[in-house]
C-alpha atoms as a PDB file:
ATOM      1  CA  UNK A   1     132.473  16.140   3.770  1.00  0.00           C
ATOM      2  CA  UNK A   2     131.447  19.135   5.736  1.00  0.00           C
ATOM      3  CA  UNK A   3     127.628  19.353   4.921  1.00  0.00           C
ATOM      4  CA  UNK A   4     125.474  22.667   3.297  1.00  0.00           C
ATOM      5  CA  UNK A   5     123.241  24.742   4.368  1.00  0.00           C
ATOM      6  CA  UNK A   6     120.604  23.230   2.659  1.00  0.00           C
ATOM      7  CA  UNK A   7     121.048  20.103   4.321  1.00  0.00           C
ATOM      8  CA  UNK A   8     121.392  21.659   7.482  1.00  0.00           C
ATOM      9  CA  UNK A   9     118.172  23.611   7.641  1.00  0.00           C
ATOM     10  CA  UNK A  10     116.369  20.231   6.449  1.00  0.00           C
ATOM     11  CA  UNK A  11     117.346  18.144   8.926  1.00  0.00           C
ATOM     12  CA  UNK A  12     116.354  20.688  11.205  1.00  0.00           C
ATOM     13  CA  UNK A  13     113.623  20.926  10.532  1.00  0.00           C
ATOM     14  CA  UNK A  14     113.338  16.399  10.018  1.00  0.00           C
ATOM     15  CA  UNK A  15     114.516  16.689  12.912  1.00  0.00           C
ATOM     16  CA  UNK A  16     111.195  19.244  14.815  1.00  0.00           C
ATOM     17  CA  UNK A  17     113.835  22.043  15.700  1.00  0.00           C
ATOM     18  CA  UNK A  18     111.575  24.279  13.130  1.00  0.00           C
ATOM     19  CA  UNK A  19     108.232  22.770  13.477  1.00  0.00           C
ATOM     20  CA  UNK A  20     105.463  23.736  11.527  1.00  0.00           C
ATOM     21  CA  UNK A  21     104.838  27.593  11.262  1.00  0.00           C
ATOM     22  CA  UNK A  22     107.985  28.294  12.519  1.00  0.00           C
ATOM     23  CA  UNK A  23     109.680  31.429  11.596  1.00  0.00           C
ATOM     24  CA  UNK A  24     112.539  30.897   9.744  1.00  0.00           C
ATOM     25  CA  UNK A  25     115.715  33.765   9.741  1.00  0.00           C
ATOM     26  CA  UNK A  26     118.364  34.253   7.971  1.00  0.00           C
ATOM     27  CA  UNK A  27     120.622  35.951  10.168  1.00  0.00           C
ATOM     28  CA  UNK A  28     120.212  33.106  12.817  1.00  0.00           C
ATOM     29  CA  UNK A  29     120.342  30.384  10.701  1.00  0.00           C
ATOM     30  CA  UNK A  30     123.585  32.233   9.622  1.00  0.00           C
ATOM     31  CA  UNK A  31     124.682  32.228  13.211  1.00  0.00           C
ATOM     32  CA  UNK A  32     123.515  28.417  14.028  1.00  0.00           C
ATOM     33  CA  UNK A  33     125.079  26.961  11.890  1.00  0.00           C
ATOM     34  CA  UNK A  34     128.001  28.909  11.342  1.00  0.00           C
ATOM     35  CA  UNK A  35     127.754  30.181   7.903  1.00  0.00           C
ATOM     36  CA  UNK A  36     127.408  33.347   6.111  1.00  0.00           C
ATOM     37  CA  UNK A  37     124.087  34.896   4.850  1.00  0.00           C
ATOM     38  CA  UNK A  38     124.522  33.956   1.786  1.00  0.00           C
ATOM     39  CA  UNK A  39     124.500  30.428   1.245  1.00  0.00           C
ATOM     40  CA  UNK A  40     121.989  30.296   4.260  1.00  0.00           C
ATOM     41  CA  UNK A  41     119.776  32.682   1.881  1.00  0.00           C
ATOM     42  CA  UNK A  42     119.950  30.360  -1.632  1.00  0.00           C
ATOM     43  CA  UNK A  43     119.277  27.018   0.826  1.00  0.00           C
ATOM     44  CA  UNK A  44     115.635  29.140   1.956  1.00  0.00           C
ATOM     45  CA  UNK A  45     115.004  30.369  -1.405  1.00  0.00           C
ATOM     46  CA  UNK A  46     115.622  26.157  -2.681  1.00  0.00           C
ATOM     47  CA  UNK A  47     113.495  25.246  -0.069  1.00  0.00           C
ATOM     48  CA  UNK A  48     110.644  27.345  -0.932  1.00  0.00           C
ATOM     49  CA  UNK A  49     110.513  26.040  -4.018  1.00  0.00           C
ATOM     50  CA  UNK A  50     109.807  22.877  -3.042  1.00  0.00           C
ATOM     51  CA  UNK A  51     107.475  23.538  -0.743  1.00  0.00           C
ATOM     52  CA  UNK A  52     108.475  22.743   2.291  1.00  0.00           C
ATOM     53  CA  UNK A  53     108.866  26.928   3.439  1.00  0.00           C
ATOM     54  CA  UNK A  54     106.114  29.060   3.019  1.00  0.00           C
ATOM     55  CA  UNK A  55     105.789  32.898   2.720  1.00  0.00           C
ATOM     56  CA  UNK A  56     103.947  34.797   5.945  1.00  0.00           C
ATOM     57  CA  UNK A  57     104.089  38.302   4.962  1.00  0.00           C
ATOM     58  CA  UNK A  58     107.691  39.154   4.328  1.00  0.00           C
ATOM     59  CA  UNK A  59     108.371  36.128   6.341  1.00  0.00           C
ATOM     60  CA  UNK A  60     109.085  32.145   5.396  1.00  0.00           C
ATOM     61  CA  UNK A  61     108.199  30.071   7.711  1.00  0.00           C
ATOM     62  CA  UNK A  62     108.100  25.749   7.682  1.00  0.00           C
ATOM     63  CA  UNK A  63     105.335  24.679   5.351  1.00  0.00           C
ATOM     64  CA  UNK A  64     102.132  22.172   7.358  1.00  0.00           C
ATOM     65  CA  UNK A  65     100.060  20.301   5.205  1.00  0.00           C
ATOM     66  CA  UNK A  66      96.402  20.609   4.816  1.00  0.00           C
ATOM     67  CA  UNK A  67      93.952  17.790   5.101  1.00  0.00           C
ATOM     68  CA  UNK A  68      94.124  17.161   1.665  1.00  0.00           C
ATOM     69  CA  UNK A  69      97.956  17.869   0.747  1.00  0.00           C
ATOM     70  CA  UNK A  70      98.507  14.896   3.553  1.00  0.00           C
ATOM     71  CA  UNK A  71      96.079  12.615   1.346  1.00  0.00           C
ATOM     72  CA  UNK A  72      97.803  13.249  -1.345  1.00  0.00           C
ATOM     73  CA  UNK A  73     100.821  12.495   0.417  1.00  0.00           C
ATOM     74  CA  UNK A  74     100.668   8.869   1.852  1.00  0.00           C
ATOM     75  CA  UNK A  75      98.499   7.833  -1.544  1.00  0.00           C
ATOM     76  CA  UNK A  76     101.935   8.307  -3.243  1.00  0.00           C
ATOM     77  CA  UNK A  77     103.389   7.384  -0.781  1.00  0.00           C
ATOM     78  CA  UNK A  78     101.722   4.027   0.158  1.00  0.00           C
ATOM     79  CA  UNK A  79     102.307   3.553  -3.750  1.00  0.00           C
ATOM     80  CA  UNK A  80     105.615   4.282  -3.692  1.00  0.00           C
ATOM     81  CA  UNK A  81     107.051   2.428  -0.593  1.00  0.00           C
ATOM     82  CA  UNK A  82     105.430  -1.064  -1.382  1.00  0.00           C
ATOM     83  CA  UNK A  83     106.894  -1.498  -5.297  1.00  0.00           C
ATOM     84  CA  UNK A  84     109.931  -0.378  -3.075  1.00  0.00           C
ATOM     85  CA  UNK A  85     109.310  -3.660  -0.816  1.00  0.00           C
ATOM     86  CA  UNK A  86     108.397  -5.974  -4.451  1.00  0.00           C
ATOM     87  CA  UNK A  87     111.459  -4.875  -5.213  1.00  0.00           C
ATOM     88  CA  UNK A  88     113.514  -6.012  -2.515  1.00  0.00           C
ATOM     89  CA  UNK A  89     111.973  -8.993  -2.404  1.00  0.00           C
ATOM     90  CA  UNK A  90     113.591  -9.216  -5.798  1.00  0.00           C
ATOM     91  CA  UNK A  91     116.339  -7.753  -5.549  1.00  0.00           C
ATOM     92  CA  UNK A  92     118.082  -7.347  -1.957  1.00  0.00           C
ATOM     93  CA  UNK A  93     120.940  -9.580  -0.982  1.00  0.00           C
ATOM     94  CA  UNK A  94     120.976 -12.426   2.139  1.00  0.00           C
ATOM     95  CA  UNK A  95     122.675  -9.346   3.822  1.00  0.00           C
ATOM     96  CA  UNK A  96     120.187  -6.630   3.338  1.00  0.00           C
ATOM     97  CA  UNK A  97     117.749  -8.531   4.748  1.00  0.00           C
ATOM     98  CA  UNK A  98     119.347  -9.756   8.061  1.00  0.00           C
ATOM     99  CA  UNK A  99     120.218  -5.660   8.295  1.00  0.00           C
ATOM    100  CA  UNK A 100     116.552  -4.815   7.942  1.00  0.00           C
ATOM    101  CA  UNK A 101     116.101  -8.050  10.619  1.00  0.00           C
ATOM    102  CA  UNK A 102     118.322  -6.661  13.059  1.00  0.00           C
ATOM    103  CA  UNK A 103     116.510  -3.174  12.854  1.00  0.00           C
ATOM    104  CA  UNK A 104     113.367  -4.872  13.832  1.00  0.00           C
ATOM    105  CA  UNK A 105     114.859  -6.308  16.922  1.00  0.00           C
ATOM    106  CA  UNK A 106     116.380  -3.461  18.085  1.00  0.00           C
ATOM    107  CA  UNK A 107     113.396  -1.341  17.569  1.00  0.00           C
ATOM    108  CA  UNK A 108     111.017  -4.494  19.894  1.00  0.00           C
ATOM    109  CA  UNK A 109     113.921  -2.943  22.274  1.00  0.00           C
ATOM    110  CA  UNK A 110     112.943   0.460  22.670  1.00  0.00           C
ATOM    111  CA  UNK A 111     108.850   0.184  22.707  1.00  0.00           C
ATOM    112  CA  UNK A 112     108.984   2.537  25.033  1.00  0.00           C
ATOM    113  CA  UNK A 113     110.578   5.873  23.361  1.00  0.00           C
ATOM    114  CA  UNK A 114     107.842   7.066  20.595  1.00  0.00           C
ATOM    115  CA  UNK A 115     110.722   9.559  18.959  1.00  0.00           C
ATOM    116  CA  UNK A 116     113.075   7.440  19.083  1.00  0.00           C
ATOM    117  CA  UNK A 117     111.291   4.267  17.375  1.00  0.00           C
ATOM    118  CA  UNK A 118     109.985   6.916  14.478  1.00  0.00           C
ATOM    119  CA  UNK A 119     113.355   7.680  14.040  1.00  0.00           C
ATOM    120  CA  UNK A 120     114.627   4.708  13.649  1.00  0.00           C
ATOM    121  CA  UNK A 121     110.962   4.005  11.564  1.00  0.00           C
ATOM    122  CA  UNK A 122     112.289   6.483   9.458  1.00  0.00           C
ATOM    123  CA  UNK A 123     115.743   4.144   9.090  1.00  0.00           C
ATOM    124  CA  UNK A 124     113.795   0.983   8.206  1.00  0.00           C
ATOM    125  CA  UNK A 125     111.880   2.639   5.646  1.00  0.00           C
ATOM    126  CA  UNK A 126     115.474   3.913   3.845  1.00  0.00           C
ATOM    127  CA  UNK A 127     116.835   0.402   4.106  1.00  0.00           C
ATOM    128  CA  UNK A 128     113.291  -0.702   2.189  1.00  0.00           C
ATOM    129  CA  UNK A 129     113.972   1.689  -0.655  1.00  0.00           C
ATOM    130  CA  UNK A 130     117.682   0.678  -1.042  1.00  0.00           C
ATOM    131  CA  UNK A 131     117.575  -2.555  -0.877  1.00  0.00           C
ATOM    132  CA  UNK A 132     115.036  -1.861  -4.224  1.00  0.00           C
ATOM    133  CA  UNK A 133     118.288  -1.110  -5.795  1.00  0.00           C
ATOM    134  CA  UNK A 134     116.721   1.165  -8.197  1.00  0.00           C
ATOM    135  CA  UNK A 135     117.780   4.617  -7.721  1.00  0.00           C
ATOM    136  CA  UNK A 136     115.315   6.119  -9.108  1.00  0.00           C
ATOM    137  CA  UNK A 137     112.916   5.059  -6.644  1.00  0.00           C
ATOM    138  CA  UNK A 138     115.119   5.702  -4.304  1.00  0.00           C
ATOM    139  CA  UNK A 139     115.627   9.358  -5.665  1.00  0.00           C
ATOM    140  CA  UNK A 140     111.389  10.251  -6.105  1.00  0.00           C
ATOM    141  CA  UNK A 141     111.434   8.406  -1.926  1.00  0.00           C
ATOM    142  CA  UNK A 142     113.963  10.615  -0.820  1.00  0.00           C
ATOM    143  CA  UNK A 143     111.215  13.460  -2.397  1.00  0.00           C
ATOM    144  CA  UNK A 144     108.341  12.226  -0.733  1.00  0.00           C
ATOM    145  CA  UNK A 145     110.013  11.255   3.320  1.00  0.00           C
ATOM    146  CA  UNK A 146     110.924  14.821   2.418  1.00  0.00           C
ATOM    147  CA  UNK A 147     108.164  16.568   2.566  1.00  0.00           C
ATOM    148  CA  UNK A 148     107.047  13.585   5.490  1.00  0.00           C
ATOM    149  CA  UNK A 149     109.245  16.395   7.808  1.00  0.00           C
ATOM    150  CA  UNK A 150     106.757  18.393   7.645  1.00  0.00           C
ATOM    151  CA  UNK A 151     104.478  16.528   9.762  1.00  0.00           C
ATOM    152  CA  UNK A 152     104.229  18.055  13.824  1.00  0.00           C
ATOM    153  CA  UNK A 153     103.824  14.288  15.229  1.00  0.00           C
ATOM    154  CA  UNK A 154     104.171  11.272  14.669  1.00  0.00           C
ATOM    155  CA  UNK A 155     101.484   8.154  14.700  1.00  0.00           C
ATOM    156  CA  UNK A 156     103.773   5.958  16.159  1.00  0.00           C
ATOM    157  CA  UNK A 157     102.937   8.173  19.130  1.00  0.00           C
ATOM    158  CA  UNK A 158      99.496   6.664  19.572  1.00  0.00           C
ATOM    159  CA  UNK A 159      97.885   4.257  22.325  1.00  0.00           C
ATOM    160  CA  UNK A 160      99.183   1.082  20.803  1.00  0.00           C
ATOM    161  CA  UNK A 161     100.950   1.603  16.925  1.00  0.00           C
ATOM    162  CA  UNK A 162     103.728   1.137  18.540  1.00  0.00           C
ATOM    163  CA  UNK A 163     103.302  -2.957  18.838  1.00  0.00           C
ATOM    164  CA  UNK A 164     100.832  -3.204  15.963  1.00  0.00           C
ATOM    165  CA  UNK A 165     103.690  -0.791  13.308  1.00  0.00           C
ATOM    166  CA  UNK A 166     105.951  -3.259  14.430  1.00  0.00           C
ATOM    167  CA  UNK A 167     104.806  -6.412  13.795  1.00  0.00           C
ATOM    168  CA  UNK A 168     103.892  -4.930  10.254  1.00  0.00           C
ATOM    169  CA  UNK A 169     107.381  -4.753  10.215  1.00  0.00           C
ATOM    170  CA  UNK A 170     107.974  -7.892  10.666  1.00  0.00           C
ATOM    171  CA  UNK A 171     105.234  -9.168   8.201  1.00  0.00           C
ATOM    172  CA  UNK A 172     107.202  -6.716   5.611  1.00  0.00           C
ATOM    173  CA  UNK A 173     110.886  -8.479   6.068  1.00  0.00           C
ATOM    174  CA  UNK A 174     109.521 -12.259   6.143  1.00  0.00           C
ATOM    175  CA  UNK A 175     108.068 -10.756   2.818  1.00  0.00           C
ATOM    176  CA  UNK A 176     111.355 -10.029   1.668  1.00  0.00           C
ATOM    177  CA  UNK A 177     113.110 -12.593   3.147  1.00  0.00           C
ATOM    178  CA  UNK A 178     111.160 -15.488   0.941  1.00  0.00           C
ATOM    179  CA  UNK A 179     110.975 -13.502  -2.015  1.00  0.00           C
ATOM    180  CA  UNK A 180     107.617 -12.314  -1.942  1.00  0.00           C
ATOM    181  CA  UNK A 181     106.484  -9.535  -3.928  1.00  0.00           C
ATOM    182  CA  UNK A 182     103.155  -9.183  -4.231  1.00  0.00           C
ATOM    183  CA  UNK A 183     102.719 -10.200  -0.045  1.00  0.00           C
ATOM    184  CA  UNK A 184     106.112  -7.805   0.098  1.00  0.00           C
ATOM    185  CA  UNK A 185     104.420  -4.763  -1.485  1.00  0.00           C
ATOM    186  CA  UNK A 186     100.827  -5.759   0.230  1.00  0.00           C
ATOM    187  CA  UNK A 187     102.167  -5.505   3.542  1.00  0.00           C
ATOM    188  CA  UNK A 188     103.524  -2.320   3.587  1.00  0.00           C
ATOM    189  CA  UNK A 189     100.829  -1.212   1.820  1.00  0.00           C
ATOM    190  CA  UNK A 190      98.720  -1.908   3.934  1.00  0.00           C
ATOM    191  CA  UNK A 191     101.568  -1.102   6.688  1.00  0.00           C
ATOM    192  CA  UNK A 192     101.220   3.145   5.748  1.00  0.00           C
ATOM    193  CA  UNK A 193      97.236   2.580   5.244  1.00  0.00           C
ATOM    194  CA  UNK A 194      97.226   1.676   9.210  1.00  0.00           C
ATOM    195  CA  UNK A 195      99.549   4.616   9.656  1.00  0.00           C
ATOM    196  CA  UNK A 196      98.000   7.070   7.874  1.00  0.00           C
ATOM    197  CA  UNK A 197      94.465   6.299   9.904  1.00  0.00           C
ATOM    198  CA  UNK A 198      96.195   6.608  13.414  1.00  0.00           C
ATOM    199  CA  UNK A 199      97.526   9.654  11.687  1.00  0.00           C
ATOM    200  CA  UNK A 200      93.932  11.339  11.070  1.00  0.00           C
ATOM    201  CA  UNK A 201      92.255   9.871  14.055  1.00  0.00           C
ATOM    202  CA  UNK A 202      95.279  12.446  16.008  1.00  0.00           C
ATOM    203  CA  UNK A 203      94.666  14.727  14.335  1.00  0.00           C
ATOM    204  CA  UNK A 204      91.140  14.288  14.695  1.00  0.00           C
ATOM    205  CA  UNK A 205      91.574  14.047  18.520  1.00  0.00           C
ATOM    206  CA  UNK A 206      93.485  17.122  18.782  1.00  0.00           C
ATOM    207  CA  UNK A 207      90.927  19.668  16.702  1.00  0.00           C
ATOM    208  CA  UNK A 208      87.994  18.210  19.123  1.00  0.00           C
ATOM    209  CA  UNK A 209      90.195  19.578  22.020  1.00  0.00           C
ATOM    210  CA  UNK A 210      90.922  22.599  20.095  1.00  0.00           C
ATOM    211  CA  UNK A 211      87.401  22.966  20.068  1.00  0.00           C
ATOM    212  CA  UNK A 212      86.549  22.937  23.769  1.00  0.00           C
END
């Protein structure tokens, strides 16, 4: 089934083709994706309504998150992801657990590539969402992770974060495997907290560089 204009633009933002502050031009998008301007226009209006795009004069640009928005996003993400992990510990099939274990094992093999690891990280979290077997929770987490696409960088690029993140993933999977609902929720919540702290440090370091 061919993708619609909305999905293609959203995936391009998620992949970093368009980054926060980039201007989106209707005619250029229509040419890039091989569609007419009408569905592109409708997609842009939808993305603006969802706060994925913002107005800059008469132009639409990819939105960015300020400090407060970032903090709010991580609070919601931590709680929803913790719930997903707890439900996965309760409902995940053995096959789903083995998929999670395999994903962590593969990620150890690509430790040197922060951006490939970031892509795998998204898939890992998505697999936990699905293993919760709660469609409404999955829908809400999809919205949260859509907003995560507005972050210009990955916390996995920070020194030491990749190794720590994968160890955290292992702890999450082990709790899910053993059916430890509270442990899975706590491990996932701690994982998100550590990622948020790392991102704040990266942002602070970037701010210091901008001043000098």
